[in-house]
Amino acid sequence: MTDSWDADLAGDGYLFWRLRRMSAPEVTQPLVTLAGDPYNMRDCEVTLTDAGHEVLAGRANAIDLNGIDDWLLGVHLVAIRRTPASP
Protein backbone atom coordinates (compact mmCIF):
# COMPACT_ATOMS: atom_id res chain seq x y z
CA MET A 1 0.00 0.00 0.00
CA THR A 2 2.95 2.28 0.56
CA ASP A 3 6.65 2.11 -0.20
CA SER A 4 7.65 2.52 3.44
CA TRP A 5 5.46 -0.04 5.20
CA ASP A 6 4.07 -3.37 4.01
CA ALA A 7 1.02 -3.44 6.29
CA ASP A 8 -2.45 -4.60 5.43
CA LEU A 9 -3.94 -1.38 6.78
CA ALA A 10 -7.58 -2.46 6.72
CA GLY A 11 -6.90 -5.74 8.53
CA ASP A 12 -4.13 -4.38 10.77
CA GLY A 13 -6.22 -1.39 11.79
CA TYR A 14 -9.21 -3.55 12.67
CA LEU A 15 -7.13 -6.04 14.66
CA PHE A 16 -5.33 -3.20 16.47
CA TRP A 17 -8.72 -1.69 17.36
CA ARG A 18 -9.78 -5.08 18.79
CA LEU A 19 -6.52 -5.32 20.73
CA ARG A 20 -7.19 -1.89 22.27
CA ARG A 21 -10.65 -3.12 23.33
CA MET A 22 -8.98 -5.94 25.32
CA SER A 23 -7.39 -3.28 27.54
CA ALA A 24 -10.32 -0.85 27.74
CA PRO A 25 -11.18 0.56 31.19
CA GLU A 26 -14.70 -0.94 31.11
CA VAL A 27 -13.35 -4.49 30.66
CA THR A 28 -13.76 -6.45 33.90
CA GLN A 29 -10.48 -8.35 33.54
CA PRO A 30 -8.32 -6.82 30.78
CA LEU A 31 -6.26 -9.34 28.85
CA VAL A 32 -3.54 -6.84 27.89
CA THR A 33 -2.14 -3.51 28.97
CA LEU A 34 -0.94 -0.86 26.54
CA ALA A 35 1.94 1.53 27.04
CA GLY A 36 3.00 4.38 24.80
CA ASP A 37 0.62 5.67 22.14
CA PRO A 38 -2.45 3.40 22.10
CA TYR A 39 -3.51 4.80 18.71
CA ASN A 40 -0.24 4.14 16.88
CA MET A 41 0.83 0.53 16.23
CA ARG A 42 4.48 1.48 15.99
CA ASP A 43 4.53 3.45 19.24
CA CYS A 44 2.48 1.08 21.39
CA GLU A 45 3.81 -1.67 23.63
CA VAL A 46 1.42 -4.49 24.53
CA THR A 47 1.85 -6.69 27.61
CA LEU A 48 -0.28 -9.64 28.67
CA THR A 49 -1.99 -9.33 32.05
CA ASP A 50 -2.33 -12.26 34.44
CA ALA A 51 -5.81 -12.86 32.98
CA GLY A 52 -4.31 -12.77 29.47
CA HIS A 53 -1.73 -15.40 30.44
CA GLU A 54 -4.50 -17.60 31.88
CA VAL A 55 -6.54 -17.33 28.66
CA LEU A 56 -3.48 -17.98 26.49
CA ALA A 57 -2.62 -21.08 28.54
CA GLY A 58 -6.19 -22.38 28.18
CA ARG A 59 -6.90 -22.17 31.92
CA ALA A 60 -9.49 -19.39 31.51
CA ASN A 61 -12.02 -18.28 28.92
CA ALA A 62 -12.08 -14.64 27.82
CA ILE A 63 -15.87 -14.64 27.46
CA ASP A 64 -16.33 -16.13 30.93
CA LEU A 65 -14.05 -13.40 32.32
CA ASN A 66 -15.43 -10.41 30.41
CA GLY A 67 -18.64 -11.44 28.71
CA ILE A 68 -19.30 -10.55 25.09
CA ASP A 69 -21.37 -7.89 23.39
CA ASP A 70 -20.04 -7.59 19.87
CA TRP A 71 -21.01 -7.58 16.21
CA LEU A 72 -19.35 -9.97 13.76
CA LEU A 73 -20.35 -9.97 10.09
CA GLY A 74 -23.77 -8.55 10.93
CA VAL A 75 -24.42 -10.98 13.77
CA HIS A 76 -24.87 -9.61 17.30
CA LEU A 77 -23.00 -11.80 19.77
CA VAL A 78 -24.05 -11.62 23.41
CA ALA A 79 -23.37 -13.98 26.28
CA ILE A 80 -26.46 -15.31 27.96
CA ARG A 81 -25.83 -16.26 31.55
CA ARG A 82 -27.81 -19.34 32.44
CA THR A 83 -28.45 -20.33 35.99
CA PRO A 84 -28.29 -24.02 36.86
CA ALA A 85 -31.64 -25.77 37.02
CA SER A 86 -33.00 -26.44 40.49
CA PRO A 87 -33.06 -30.10 41.54
PDB file of N, CA and C in Angstrom:
ATOM      1  N   MET A   1       0.817  -1.197   0.000  1.00  0.00           N
ATOM      2  CA  MET A   1       0.000   0.000   0.000  1.00  0.00           C
ATOM      3  C   MET A   1       0.862   1.264   0.000  1.00  0.00           C
ATOM      4  N   THR A   2       2.010   1.156   0.601  1.00  0.00           N
ATOM      5  CA  THR A   2       2.954   2.279   0.561  1.00  0.00           C
ATOM      6  C   THR A   2       4.337   1.704   0.334  1.00  0.00           C
ATOM      7  N   ASP A   3       5.275   2.565  -0.006  1.00  0.00           N
ATOM      8  CA  ASP A   3       6.651   2.109  -0.205  1.00  0.00           C
ATOM      9  C   ASP A   3       7.378   1.910   1.120  1.00  0.00           C
ATOM     10  N   SER A   4       6.899   2.550   2.182  1.00  0.00           N
ATOM     11  CA  SER A   4       7.648   2.525   3.441  1.00  0.00           C
ATOM     12  C   SER A   4       7.165   1.472   4.434  1.00  0.00           C
ATOM     13  N   TRP A   5       5.990   0.892   4.215  1.00  0.00           N
ATOM     14  CA  TRP A   5       5.456  -0.044   5.200  1.00  0.00           C
ATOM     15  C   TRP A   5       4.568  -1.046   4.501  1.00  0.00           C
ATOM     16  N   ASP A   6       4.803  -2.321   4.697  1.00  0.00           N
ATOM     17  CA  ASP A   6       4.067  -3.370   4.015  1.00  0.00           C
ATOM     18  C   ASP A   6       2.907  -3.889   4.857  1.00  0.00           C
ATOM     19  N   ALA A   7       2.132  -3.026   5.430  1.00  0.00           N
ATOM     20  CA  ALA A   7       1.022  -3.440   6.295  1.00  0.00           C
ATOM     21  C   ALA A   7      -0.267  -3.575   5.499  1.00  0.00           C
ATOM     22  N   ASP A   8      -1.094  -4.491   5.936  1.00  0.00           N
ATOM     23  CA  ASP A   8      -2.453  -4.595   5.431  1.00  0.00           C
ATOM     24  C   ASP A   8      -3.272  -3.660   6.303  1.00  0.00           C
ATOM     25  N   LEU A   9      -3.385  -2.412   5.903  1.00  0.00           N
ATOM     26  CA  LEU A   9      -3.935  -1.385   6.784  1.00  0.00           C
ATOM     27  C   LEU A   9      -5.378  -1.661   7.204  1.00  0.00           C
ATOM     28  N   ALA A  10      -6.188  -2.184   6.320  1.00  0.00           N
ATOM     29  CA  ALA A  10      -7.578  -2.455   6.718  1.00  0.00           C
ATOM     30  C   ALA A  10      -7.607  -3.548   7.782  1.00  0.00           C
ATOM     31  N   GLY A  11      -6.929  -4.655   7.563  1.00  0.00           N
ATOM     32  CA  GLY A  11      -6.895  -5.742   8.529  1.00  0.00           C
ATOM     33  C   GLY A  11      -6.122  -5.375   9.777  1.00  0.00           C
ATOM     34  N   ASP A  12      -4.949  -4.766   9.616  1.00  0.00           N
ATOM     35  CA  ASP A  12      -4.132  -4.381  10.770  1.00  0.00           C
ATOM     36  C   ASP A  12      -4.861  -3.380  11.646  1.00  0.00           C
ATOM     37  N   GLY A  13      -5.497  -2.409  11.033  1.00  0.00           N
ATOM     38  CA  GLY A  13      -6.223  -1.390  11.795  1.00  0.00           C
ATOM     39  C   GLY A  13      -7.360  -1.992  12.598  1.00  0.00           C
ATOM     40  N   TYR A  14      -8.097  -2.903  11.977  1.00  0.00           N
ATOM     41  CA  TYR A  14      -9.208  -3.547  12.665  1.00  0.00           C
ATOM     42  C   TYR A  14      -8.699  -4.399  13.821  1.00  0.00           C
ATOM     43  N   LEU A  15      -7.663  -5.192  13.594  1.00  0.00           N
ATOM     44  CA  LEU A  15      -7.130  -6.043  14.658  1.00  0.00           C
ATOM     45  C   LEU A  15      -6.526  -5.210  15.782  1.00  0.00           C
ATOM     46  N   PHE A  16      -5.890  -4.083  15.444  1.00  0.00           N
ATOM     47  CA  PHE A  16      -5.329  -3.202  16.468  1.00  0.00           C
ATOM     48  C   PHE A  16      -6.456  -2.582  17.296  1.00  0.00           C
ATOM     49  N   TRP A  17      -7.544  -2.216  16.649  1.00  0.00           N
ATOM     50  CA  TRP A  17      -8.719  -1.691  17.360  1.00  0.00           C
ATOM     51  C   TRP A  17      -9.244  -2.734  18.333  1.00  0.00           C
ATOM     52  N   ARG A  18      -9.319  -3.995  17.903  1.00  0.00           N
ATOM     53  CA  ARG A  18      -9.784  -5.076  18.787  1.00  0.00           C
ATOM     54  C   ARG A  18      -8.814  -5.294  19.936  1.00  0.00           C
ATOM     55  N   LEU A  19      -7.528  -5.190  19.680  1.00  0.00           N
ATOM     56  CA  LEU A  19      -6.524  -5.316  20.730  1.00  0.00           C
ATOM     57  C   LEU A  19      -6.706  -4.225  21.781  1.00  0.00           C
ATOM     58  N   ARG A  20      -6.952  -3.003  21.320  1.00  0.00           N
ATOM     59  CA  ARG A  20      -7.188  -1.890  22.267  1.00  0.00           C
ATOM     60  C   ARG A  20      -8.418  -2.165  23.123  1.00  0.00           C
ATOM     61  N   ARG A  21      -9.435  -2.798  22.565  1.00  0.00           N
ATOM     62  CA  ARG A  21     -10.647  -3.121  23.330  1.00  0.00           C
ATOM     63  C   ARG A  21     -10.349  -4.112  24.449  1.00  0.00           C
ATOM     64  N   MET A  22      -9.340  -4.980  24.278  1.00  0.00           N
ATOM     65  CA  MET A  22      -8.981  -5.943  25.319  1.00  0.00           C
ATOM     66  C   MET A  22      -8.379  -5.268  26.546  1.00  0.00           C
ATOM     67  N   SER A  23      -7.989  -3.997  26.413  1.00  0.00           N
ATOM     68  CA  SER A  23      -7.391  -3.276  27.539  1.00  0.00           C
ATOM     69  C   SER A  23      -8.262  -2.105  27.986  1.00  0.00           C
ATOM     70  N   ALA A  24      -9.453  -1.991  27.446  1.00  0.00           N
ATOM     71  CA  ALA A  24     -10.320  -0.846  27.740  1.00  0.00           C
ATOM     72  C   ALA A  24     -10.688  -0.796  29.228  1.00  0.00           C
ATOM     73  N   PRO A  25     -10.868   0.414  29.769  1.00  0.00           N
ATOM     74  CA  PRO A  25     -11.185   0.564  31.192  1.00  0.00           C
ATOM     75  C   PRO A  25     -12.464  -0.146  31.622  1.00  0.00           C
ATOM     76  N   GLU A  26     -13.437  -0.298  30.728  1.00  0.00           N
ATOM     77  CA  GLU A  26     -14.698  -0.935  31.114  1.00  0.00           C
ATOM     78  C   GLU A  26     -14.626  -2.467  31.110  1.00  0.00           C
ATOM     79  N   VAL A  27     -13.516  -3.040  30.660  1.00  0.00           N
ATOM     80  CA  VAL A  27     -13.352  -4.495  30.658  1.00  0.00           C
ATOM     81  C   VAL A  27     -13.105  -4.954  32.095  1.00  0.00           C
ATOM     82  N   THR A  28     -13.860  -5.952  32.534  1.00  0.00           N
ATOM     83  CA  THR A  28     -13.756  -6.446  33.904  1.00  0.00           C
ATOM     84  C   THR A  28     -12.355  -6.952  34.221  1.00  0.00           C
ATOM     85  N   GLN A  29     -11.826  -7.799  33.362  1.00  0.00           N
ATOM     86  CA  GLN A  29     -10.481  -8.349  33.539  1.00  0.00           C
ATOM     87  C   GLN A  29      -9.720  -8.193  32.221  1.00  0.00           C
ATOM     88  N   PRO A  30      -9.042  -7.054  32.029  1.00  0.00           N
ATOM     89  CA  PRO A  30      -8.318  -6.816  30.778  1.00  0.00           C
ATOM     90  C   PRO A  30      -7.317  -7.936  30.501  1.00  0.00           C
ATOM     91  N   LEU A  31      -7.185  -8.294  29.246  1.00  0.00           N
ATOM     92  CA  LEU A  31      -6.257  -9.344  28.846  1.00  0.00           C
ATOM     93  C   LEU A  31      -4.882  -8.789  28.520  1.00  0.00           C
ATOM     94  N   VAL A  32      -4.813  -7.502  28.199  1.00  0.00           N
ATOM     95  CA  VAL A  32      -3.541  -6.843  27.886  1.00  0.00           C
ATOM     96  C   VAL A  32      -3.519  -5.452  28.491  1.00  0.00           C
ATOM     97  N   THR A  33      -2.311  -4.914  28.632  1.00  0.00           N
ATOM     98  CA  THR A  33      -2.137  -3.506  28.965  1.00  0.00           C
ATOM     99  C   THR A  33      -1.363  -2.862  27.823  1.00  0.00           C
ATOM    100  N   LEU A  34      -1.620  -1.593  27.597  1.00  0.00           N
ATOM    101  CA  LEU A  34      -0.941  -0.861  26.538  1.00  0.00           C
ATOM    102  C   LEU A  34      -0.116   0.253  27.151  1.00  0.00           C
ATOM    103  N   ALA A  35       1.082   0.426  26.630  1.00  0.00           N
ATOM    104  CA  ALA A  35       1.945   1.532  27.043  1.00  0.00           C
ATOM    105  C   ALA A  35       2.358   2.293  25.788  1.00  0.00           C
ATOM    106  N   GLY A  36       2.651   3.554  25.961  1.00  0.00           N
ATOM    107  CA  GLY A  36       3.000   4.377  24.804  1.00  0.00           C
ATOM    108  C   GLY A  36       1.745   4.961  24.183  1.00  0.00           C
ATOM    109  N   ASP A  37       1.749   5.098  22.869  1.00  0.00           N
ATOM    110  CA  ASP A  37       0.619   5.675  22.135  1.00  0.00           C
ATOM    111  C   ASP A  37      -0.358   4.566  21.742  1.00  0.00           C
ATOM    112  N   PRO A  38      -1.517   4.482  22.402  1.00  0.00           N
ATOM    113  CA  PRO A  38      -2.453   3.395  22.104  1.00  0.00           C
ATOM    114  C   PRO A  38      -3.162   3.536  20.759  1.00  0.00           C
ATOM    115  N   TYR A  39      -2.882   4.608  20.021  1.00  0.00           N
ATOM    116  CA  TYR A  39      -3.513   4.805  18.712  1.00  0.00           C
ATOM    117  C   TYR A  39      -2.506   4.677  17.570  1.00  0.00           C
ATOM    118  N   ASN A  40      -1.279   4.279  17.897  1.00  0.00           N
ATOM    119  CA  ASN A  40      -0.241   4.137  16.882  1.00  0.00           C
ATOM    120  C   ASN A  40       0.437   2.782  17.074  1.00  0.00           C
ATOM    121  N   MET A  41       0.275   1.881  16.103  1.00  0.00           N
ATOM    122  CA  MET A  41       0.833   0.534  16.233  1.00  0.00           C
ATOM    123  C   MET A  41       2.327   0.538  16.489  1.00  0.00           C
ATOM    124  N   ARG A  42       3.023   1.451  15.865  1.00  0.00           N
ATOM    125  CA  ARG A  42       4.480   1.479  15.987  1.00  0.00           C
ATOM    126  C   ARG A  42       4.943   2.010  17.337  1.00  0.00           C
ATOM    127  N   ASP A  43       4.128   2.821  17.986  1.00  0.00           N
ATOM    128  CA  ASP A  43       4.534   3.451  19.236  1.00  0.00           C
ATOM    129  C   ASP A  43       3.779   2.900  20.434  1.00  0.00           C
ATOM    130  N   CYS A  44       3.264   1.688  20.315  1.00  0.00           N
ATOM    131  CA  CYS A  44       2.479   1.082  21.386  1.00  0.00           C
ATOM    132  C   CYS A  44       3.123  -0.232  21.801  1.00  0.00           C
ATOM    133  N   GLU A  45       3.279  -0.410  23.107  1.00  0.00           N
ATOM    134  CA  GLU A  45       3.809  -1.668  23.630  1.00  0.00           C
ATOM    135  C   GLU A  45       2.680  -2.409  24.334  1.00  0.00           C
ATOM    136  N   VAL A  46       2.505  -3.676  23.995  1.00  0.00           N
ATOM    137  CA  VAL A  46       1.420  -4.490  24.528  1.00  0.00           C
ATOM    138  C   VAL A  46       2.009  -5.548  25.456  1.00  0.00           C
ATOM    139  N   THR A  47       1.404  -5.687  26.639  1.00  0.00           N
ATOM    140  CA  THR A  47       1.848  -6.686  27.608  1.00  0.00           C
ATOM    141  C   THR A  47       0.641  -7.482  28.075  1.00  0.00           C
ATOM    142  N   LEU A  48       0.794  -8.795  28.154  1.00  0.00           N
ATOM    143  CA  LEU A  48      -0.282  -9.640  28.672  1.00  0.00           C
ATOM    144  C   LEU A  48      -0.453  -9.417  30.172  1.00  0.00           C
ATOM    145  N   THR A  49      -1.693  -9.375  30.617  1.00  0.00           N
ATOM    146  CA  THR A  49      -1.991  -9.325  32.048  1.00  0.00           C
ATOM    147  C   THR A  49      -2.009 -10.760  32.575  1.00  0.00           C
ATOM    148  N   ASP A  50      -2.200 -10.910  33.876  1.00  0.00           N
ATOM    149  CA  ASP A  50      -2.335 -12.256  34.441  1.00  0.00           C
ATOM    150  C   ASP A  50      -3.517 -12.983  33.805  1.00  0.00           C
ATOM    151  N   ALA A  51      -4.629 -12.259  33.618  1.00  0.00           N
ATOM    152  CA  ALA A  51      -5.808 -12.860  32.977  1.00  0.00           C
ATOM    153  C   ALA A  51      -5.477 -13.267  31.545  1.00  0.00           C
ATOM    154  N   GLY A  52      -4.723 -12.448  30.831  1.00  0.00           N
ATOM    155  CA  GLY A  52      -4.312 -12.774  29.472  1.00  0.00           C
ATOM    156  C   GLY A  52      -3.461 -14.026  29.417  1.00  0.00           C
ATOM    157  N   HIS A  53      -2.549 -14.184  30.373  1.00  0.00           N
ATOM    158  CA  HIS A  53      -1.728 -15.399  30.443  1.00  0.00           C
ATOM    159  C   HIS A  53      -2.597 -16.626  30.702  1.00  0.00           C
ATOM    160  N   GLU A  54      -3.600 -16.479  31.576  1.00  0.00           N
ATOM    161  CA  GLU A  54      -4.497 -17.600  31.877  1.00  0.00           C
ATOM    162  C   GLU A  54      -5.299 -18.013  30.639  1.00  0.00           C
ATOM    163  N   VAL A  55      -5.792 -17.037  29.883  1.00  0.00           N
ATOM    164  CA  VAL A  55      -6.541 -17.333  28.656  1.00  0.00           C
ATOM    165  C   VAL A  55      -5.615 -17.977  27.627  1.00  0.00           C
ATOM    166  N   LEU A  56      -4.426 -17.431  27.457  1.00  0.00           N
ATOM    167  CA  LEU A  56      -3.484 -17.976  26.485  1.00  0.00           C
ATOM    168  C   LEU A  56      -3.104 -19.418  26.822  1.00  0.00           C
ATOM    169  N   ALA A  57      -2.980 -19.725  28.104  1.00  0.00           N
ATOM    170  CA  ALA A  57      -2.619 -21.082  28.536  1.00  0.00           C
ATOM    171  C   ALA A  57      -3.809 -22.039  28.499  1.00  0.00           C
ATOM    172  N   GLY A  58      -5.007 -21.531  28.243  1.00  0.00           N
ATOM    173  CA  GLY A  58      -6.186 -22.378  28.181  1.00  0.00           C
ATOM    174  C   GLY A  58      -6.797 -22.681  29.539  1.00  0.00           C
ATOM    175  N   ARG A  59      -6.363 -21.956  30.569  1.00  0.00           N
ATOM    176  CA  ARG A  59      -6.904 -22.171  31.917  1.00  0.00           C
ATOM    177  C   ARG A  59      -8.075 -21.249  32.227  1.00  0.00           C
ATOM    178  N   ALA A  60      -8.358 -20.313  31.334  1.00  0.00           N
ATOM    179  CA  ALA A  60      -9.486 -19.387  31.508  1.00  0.00           C
ATOM    180  C   ALA A  60     -10.076 -19.107  30.141  1.00  0.00           C
ATOM    181  N   ASN A  61     -11.309 -18.606  30.142  1.00  0.00           N
ATOM    182  CA  ASN A  61     -12.021 -18.281  28.920  1.00  0.00           C
ATOM    183  C   ASN A  61     -12.304 -16.788  28.930  1.00  0.00           C
ATOM    184  N   ALA A  62     -11.915 -16.094  27.875  1.00  0.00           N
ATOM    185  CA  ALA A  62     -12.080 -14.641  27.815  1.00  0.00           C
ATOM    186  C   ALA A  62     -13.541 -14.226  27.942  1.00  0.00           C
ATOM    187  N   ILE A  63     -14.449 -14.993  27.377  1.00  0.00           N
ATOM    188  CA  ILE A  63     -15.871 -14.642  27.456  1.00  0.00           C
ATOM    189  C   ILE A  63     -16.393 -14.863  28.867  1.00  0.00           C
ATOM    190  N   ASP A  64     -15.942 -15.929  29.534  1.00  0.00           N
ATOM    191  CA  ASP A  64     -16.333 -16.127  30.929  1.00  0.00           C
ATOM    192  C   ASP A  64     -15.825 -14.978  31.799  1.00  0.00           C
ATOM    193  N   LEU A  65     -14.630 -14.478  31.517  1.00  0.00           N
ATOM    194  CA  LEU A  65     -14.046 -13.396  32.315  1.00  0.00           C
ATOM    195  C   LEU A  65     -14.719 -12.056  32.055  1.00  0.00           C
ATOM    196  N   ASN A  66     -14.991 -11.758  30.785  1.00  0.00           N
ATOM    197  CA  ASN A  66     -15.426 -10.406  30.408  1.00  0.00           C
ATOM    198  C   ASN A  66     -16.760 -10.329  29.701  1.00  0.00           C
ATOM    199  N   GLY A  67     -17.393 -11.466  29.460  1.00  0.00           N
ATOM    200  CA  GLY A  67     -18.638 -11.436  28.706  1.00  0.00           C
ATOM    201  C   GLY A  67     -18.367 -11.093  27.247  1.00  0.00           C
ATOM    202  N   ILE A  68     -19.431 -10.944  26.497  1.00  0.00           N
ATOM    203  CA  ILE A  68     -19.296 -10.552  25.094  1.00  0.00           C
ATOM    204  C   ILE A  68     -20.543  -9.777  24.691  1.00  0.00           C
ATOM    205  N   ASP A  69     -20.322  -8.695  24.008  1.00  0.00           N
ATOM    206  CA  ASP A  69     -21.372  -7.892  23.387  1.00  0.00           C
ATOM    207  C   ASP A  69     -20.722  -7.275  22.164  1.00  0.00           C
ATOM    208  N   ASP A  70     -20.811  -7.958  21.043  1.00  0.00           N
ATOM    209  CA  ASP A  70     -20.038  -7.593  19.869  1.00  0.00           C
ATOM    210  C   ASP A  70     -20.830  -7.899  18.610  1.00  0.00           C
ATOM    211  N   TRP A  71     -20.427  -7.301  17.518  1.00  0.00           N
ATOM    212  CA  TRP A  71     -21.006  -7.580  16.209  1.00  0.00           C
ATOM    213  C   TRP A  71     -19.941  -8.213  15.343  1.00  0.00           C
ATOM    214  N   LEU A  72     -20.282  -9.293  14.659  1.00  0.00           N
ATOM    215  CA  LEU A  72     -19.354  -9.970  13.763  1.00  0.00           C
ATOM    216  C   LEU A  72     -20.108 -10.342  12.489  1.00  0.00           C
ATOM    217  N   LEU A  73     -19.726  -9.719  11.389  1.00  0.00           N
ATOM    218  CA  LEU A  73     -20.349  -9.973  10.088  1.00  0.00           C
ATOM    219  C   LEU A  73     -21.863  -9.831  10.134  1.00  0.00           C
ATOM    220  N   GLY A  74     -22.347  -8.818  10.855  1.00  0.00           N
ATOM    221  CA  GLY A  74     -23.770  -8.549  10.928  1.00  0.00           C
ATOM    222  C   GLY A  74     -24.516  -9.353  11.966  1.00  0.00           C
ATOM    223  N   VAL A  75     -23.795 -10.167  12.734  1.00  0.00           N
ATOM    224  CA  VAL A  75     -24.418 -10.983  13.774  1.00  0.00           C
ATOM    225  C   VAL A  75     -24.071 -10.381  15.135  1.00  0.00           C
ATOM    226  N   HIS A  76     -25.090 -10.160  15.960  1.00  0.00           N
ATOM    227  CA  HIS A  76     -24.870  -9.610  17.298  1.00  0.00           C
ATOM    228  C   HIS A  76     -24.595 -10.753  18.264  1.00  0.00           C
ATOM    229  N   LEU A  77     -23.398 -10.771  18.825  1.00  0.00           N
ATOM    230  CA  LEU A  77     -22.996 -11.805  19.770  1.00  0.00           C
ATOM    231  C   LEU A  77     -23.154 -11.279  21.185  1.00  0.00           C
ATOM    232  N   VAL A  78     -23.911 -11.979  22.000  1.00  0.00           N
ATOM    233  CA  VAL A  78     -24.052 -11.619  23.414  1.00  0.00           C
ATOM    234  C   VAL A  78     -24.006 -12.910  24.227  1.00  0.00           C
ATOM    235  N   ALA A  79     -23.410 -12.818  25.394  1.00  0.00           N
ATOM    236  CA  ALA A  79     -23.369 -13.981  26.280  1.00  0.00           C
ATOM    237  C   ALA A  79     -24.638 -13.999  27.102  1.00  0.00           C
ATOM    238  N   ILE A  80     -25.264 -15.136  27.148  1.00  0.00           N
ATOM    239  CA  ILE A  80     -26.458 -15.313  27.960  1.00  0.00           C
ATOM    240  C   ILE A  80     -26.044 -16.143  29.155  1.00  0.00           C
ATOM    241  N   ARG A  81     -26.176 -15.552  30.326  1.00  0.00           N
ATOM    242  CA  ARG A  81     -25.828 -16.258  31.548  1.00  0.00           C
ATOM    243  C   ARG A  81     -26.998 -17.140  31.948  1.00  0.00           C
ATOM    244  N   ARG A  82     -26.765 -18.402  32.039  1.00  0.00           N
ATOM    245  CA  ARG A  82     -27.807 -19.342  32.436  1.00  0.00           C
ATOM    246  C   ARG A  82     -27.544 -19.781  33.860  1.00  0.00           C
ATOM    247  N   THR A  83     -28.583 -19.836  34.619  1.00  0.00           N
ATOM    248  CA  THR A  83     -28.453 -20.329  35.985  1.00  0.00           C
ATOM    249  C   THR A  83     -28.739 -21.816  35.987  1.00  0.00           C
ATOM    250  N   PRO A  84     -28.037 -22.576  36.820  1.00  0.00           N
ATOM    251  CA  PRO A  84     -28.287 -24.016  36.857  1.00  0.00           C
ATOM    252  C   PRO A  84     -29.726 -24.310  37.269  1.00  0.00           C
ATOM    253  N   ALA A  85     -30.255 -25.356  36.696  1.00  0.00           N
ATOM    254  CA  ALA A  85     -31.636 -25.772  37.020  1.00  0.00           C
ATOM    255  C   ALA A  85     -31.711 -26.249  38.464  1.00  0.00           C
ATOM    256  N   SER A  86     -32.799 -25.975  39.121  1.00  0.00           N
ATOM    257  CA  SER A  86     -33.001 -26.444  40.491  1.00  0.00           C
ATOM    258  C   SER A  86     -33.276 -27.935  40.486  1.00  0.00           C
ATOM    259  N   PRO A  87     -32.777 -28.648  41.498  1.00  0.00           N
ATOM    260  CA  PRO A  87     -33.059 -30.103  41.542  1.00  0.00           C
ATOM    261  C   PRO A  87     -34.494 -30.399  41.861  1.00  0.00           C
TER     262      PRO A  87
END
